[in-house]
Amino acid sequence: MHEDGNGGCRGVESGGAPSGGESRTGVNQPEFLALERELTVLLRRARANQGEMAREVHPDLESSAYGLLVRLGECGGQRATELAAYIGVGKATMSRQLRALEELGLVTREPDPADGRAWVVTLTREGQERVGRVREARRARYARRLADWDPRAVAELARLLHELNRGMEK
């Protein structure tokens, strides 16, 4: 069995017939098998890329903290509880990650003007510049790799991924 460029196997039919009396509408339909396979490859590559991008922002940055920086860059200041909910981690994990980001000079915490008991986390100027450079370089890589795609196909892919992400929130 050999993998093709997308992690599939050449010369081996995957999936087979539905088992356990599942109907044609079951999870073993070829389109759901193909979706699972392609998402697995995409997520594996995304995890590897996230680690690379984190190191580009700062050599000591944990790969899991990169998403926090991107979120802050896109949405501006947020409370730690909002960030924890978005990322899907507990308060203790979020506090540890934010402390590490503060030590690296990438974020700052200030009292929330709406509630003095809470803190709002924002990117520092250095954090904004570093994250901006890395994200711009990533978009340039996408543009180079997809240069032979029709721009409408790129837009459709973005739309479908957005729809998928919204559906996964339910």
Protein backbone atom coordinates (compact mmCIF):
# COMPACT_ATOMS: atom_id res chain seq x y z
CA MET A 1 0.00 0.00 0.00
CA HIS A 2 1.43 3.40 -1.01
CA GLU A 3 0.23 6.90 -0.15
CA ASP A 4 -0.44 9.40 -2.88
CA GLY A 5 0.26 13.09 -2.39
CA ASN A 6 -2.93 13.57 -0.38
CA GLY A 7 -2.40 10.71 2.03
CA GLY A 8 -4.61 8.32 0.07
CA CYS A 9 -3.55 4.87 -1.03
CA ARG A 10 -2.82 4.05 -4.64
CA GLY A 11 -4.18 0.82 -5.98
CA VAL A 12 -6.28 0.11 -2.91
CA GLU A 13 -9.98 0.88 -2.80
CA SER A 14 -10.92 2.36 0.56
CA GLY A 15 -14.30 2.25 2.14
CA GLY A 16 -15.87 -0.83 0.73
CA ALA A 17 -19.53 -1.63 1.21
CA PRO A 18 -21.55 -0.32 4.12
CA SER A 19 -21.39 -2.63 7.11
CA GLY A 20 -24.01 -3.56 9.66
CA GLY A 21 -26.90 -3.03 7.26
CA GLU A 22 -26.27 0.71 6.89
CA SER A 23 -28.25 2.38 4.14
CA ARG A 24 -26.86 4.43 1.25
CA THR A 25 -27.32 7.49 3.49
CA GLY A 26 -24.94 6.10 6.12
CA VAL A 27 -21.50 7.33 7.09
CA ASN A 28 -19.81 4.84 4.76
CA GLN A 29 -20.91 6.71 1.65
CA PRO A 30 -17.91 7.45 -0.59
CA GLU A 31 -18.32 11.22 -0.17
CA PHE A 32 -18.05 10.98 3.63
CA LEU A 33 -15.08 8.63 3.39
CA ALA A 34 -13.38 11.08 1.00
CA LEU A 35 -14.25 14.01 3.30
CA GLU A 36 -12.76 12.24 6.31
CA ARG A 37 -9.59 11.38 4.40
CA GLU A 38 -9.05 14.89 3.01
CA LEU A 39 -9.81 16.61 6.33
CA THR A 40 -7.35 14.30 8.07
CA VAL A 41 -4.61 15.30 5.62
CA LEU A 42 -5.53 18.98 5.87
CA LEU A 43 -5.53 18.96 9.68
CA ARG A 44 -2.23 17.08 9.87
CA ARG A 45 -0.62 19.64 7.57
CA ALA A 46 -2.25 22.52 9.45
CA ARG A 47 -0.79 21.29 12.76
CA ALA A 48 2.67 21.08 11.24
CA ASN A 49 2.29 24.55 9.68
CA GLN A 50 1.04 26.01 12.96
CA GLY A 51 4.23 24.90 14.67
CA GLU A 52 6.34 26.48 11.93
CA MET A 53 4.38 29.73 12.08
CA ALA A 54 4.63 29.86 15.86
CA ARG A 55 8.43 29.55 15.63
CA GLU A 56 8.47 32.31 12.99
CA VAL A 57 6.62 34.62 15.40
CA HIS A 58 9.05 33.77 18.21
CA PRO A 59 11.42 30.79 18.62
CA ASP A 60 10.07 30.11 22.12
CA LEU A 61 6.38 30.32 21.20
CA GLU A 62 4.32 27.17 21.77
CA SER A 63 2.50 26.10 18.66
CA SER A 64 -0.84 26.03 20.52
CA ALA A 65 -0.46 29.73 21.43
CA TYR A 66 -0.26 30.84 17.80
CA GLY A 67 -4.05 30.63 17.43
CA LEU A 68 -4.47 32.98 20.38
CA LEU A 69 -2.29 35.57 18.71
CA VAL A 70 -4.21 35.28 15.45
CA ARG A 71 -7.52 35.63 17.29
CA LEU A 72 -6.33 38.74 19.11
CA GLY A 73 -5.04 40.17 15.84
CA GLU A 74 -8.39 39.63 14.13
CA CYS A 75 -10.75 40.55 16.97
CA GLY A 76 -8.76 42.95 19.13
CA GLY A 77 -8.70 42.81 22.92
CA GLN A 78 -10.60 40.02 24.61
CA ARG A 79 -11.04 38.64 28.09
CA ALA A 80 -9.14 35.48 28.94
CA THR A 81 -12.43 33.64 29.47
CA GLU A 82 -13.53 34.54 25.93
CA LEU A 83 -10.22 33.32 24.53
CA ALA A 84 -10.41 30.09 26.53
CA ALA A 85 -13.92 29.41 25.24
CA TYR A 86 -12.93 30.14 21.65
CA ILE A 87 -9.82 27.96 21.75
CA GLY A 88 -11.53 25.27 23.83
CA VAL A 89 -9.23 25.14 26.85
CA GLY A 90 -9.69 25.64 30.58
CA LYS A 91 -8.90 28.75 32.59
CA ALA A 92 -5.66 27.31 34.02
CA THR A 93 -4.32 26.45 30.56
CA MET A 94 -5.30 29.85 29.24
CA SER A 95 -3.63 31.63 32.17
CA ARG A 96 -0.41 29.68 31.59
CA GLN A 97 -0.40 30.46 27.87
CA LEU A 98 -1.12 34.15 28.44
CA ARG A 99 1.63 34.39 31.05
CA ALA A 100 4.08 32.87 28.56
CA LEU A 101 2.93 35.29 25.82
CA GLU A 102 3.38 38.23 28.19
CA GLU A 103 6.89 37.08 29.06
CA LEU A 104 7.70 36.98 25.33
CA GLY A 105 6.41 40.55 24.98
CA LEU A 106 3.64 39.56 22.55
CA VAL A 107 0.56 40.39 24.65
CA THR A 108 -0.39 42.67 27.48
CA ARG A 109 -3.21 42.47 30.02
CA GLU A 110 -5.06 45.55 31.21
CA PRO A 111 -8.06 45.95 33.50
CA ASP A 112 -11.38 45.68 31.65
CA PRO A 113 -12.97 49.16 31.69
CA ALA A 114 -16.43 47.54 31.82
CA ASP A 115 -15.53 45.30 34.79
CA GLY A 116 -12.49 46.13 36.93
CA ARG A 117 -12.30 42.54 38.18
CA ALA A 118 -11.59 41.19 34.69
CA TRP A 119 -8.63 41.68 32.36
CA VAL A 120 -8.55 42.38 28.64
CA VAL A 121 -5.73 40.80 26.67
CA THR A 122 -4.36 42.63 23.62
CA LEU A 123 -1.42 42.20 21.28
CA THR A 124 1.54 44.46 21.93
CA ARG A 125 2.93 46.45 19.01
CA GLU A 126 5.67 43.81 18.68
CA GLY A 127 3.04 41.06 18.77
CA GLN A 128 1.03 42.80 16.05
CA GLU A 129 4.10 43.21 13.83
CA ARG A 130 5.34 39.65 14.27
CA VAL A 131 1.94 38.02 13.76
CA GLY A 132 1.23 40.31 10.80
CA ARG A 133 4.49 39.34 9.07
CA VAL A 134 3.87 35.62 9.55
CA ARG A 135 0.26 35.79 8.37
CA GLU A 136 1.23 37.84 5.32
CA ALA A 137 3.93 35.30 4.44
CA ARG A 138 1.40 32.48 4.84
CA ARG A 139 -1.08 34.20 2.51
CA ALA A 140 1.73 34.68 -0.01
CA ARG A 141 2.47 30.93 0.16
CA TYR A 142 -1.23 30.18 -0.47
CA ALA A 143 -1.22 32.59 -3.41
CA ARG A 144 1.87 30.92 -4.92
CA ARG A 145 0.58 27.38 -4.40
CA LEU A 146 -2.87 28.20 -5.77
CA ALA A 147 -1.70 30.52 -8.55
CA ASP A 148 -3.11 28.21 -11.22
CA TRP A 149 -6.54 28.12 -9.54
CA ASP A 150 -9.38 30.29 -10.77
CA PRO A 151 -9.95 33.03 -8.14
CA ARG A 152 -13.63 32.01 -8.06
CA ALA A 153 -12.60 28.50 -7.02
CA VAL A 154 -10.46 29.93 -4.20
CA ALA A 155 -13.43 32.03 -3.07
CA GLU A 156 -15.71 28.98 -3.25
CA LEU A 157 -13.27 26.92 -1.20
CA ALA A 158 -13.15 29.67 1.43
CA ARG A 159 -16.96 29.81 1.45
CA LEU A 160 -17.29 26.04 1.84
CA LEU A 161 -14.70 25.92 4.62
CA HIS A 162 -16.56 28.73 6.41
CA GLU A 163 -19.79 26.76 6.06
CA LEU A 164 -18.06 23.64 7.38
CA ASN A 165 -16.66 25.55 10.37
CA ARG A 166 -20.08 27.00 11.16
CA GLY A 167 -21.61 23.53 10.94
CA MET A 168 -19.00 22.13 13.32
CA GLU A 169 -19.97 24.72 15.96
CA LYS A 170 -23.45 23.21 16.30
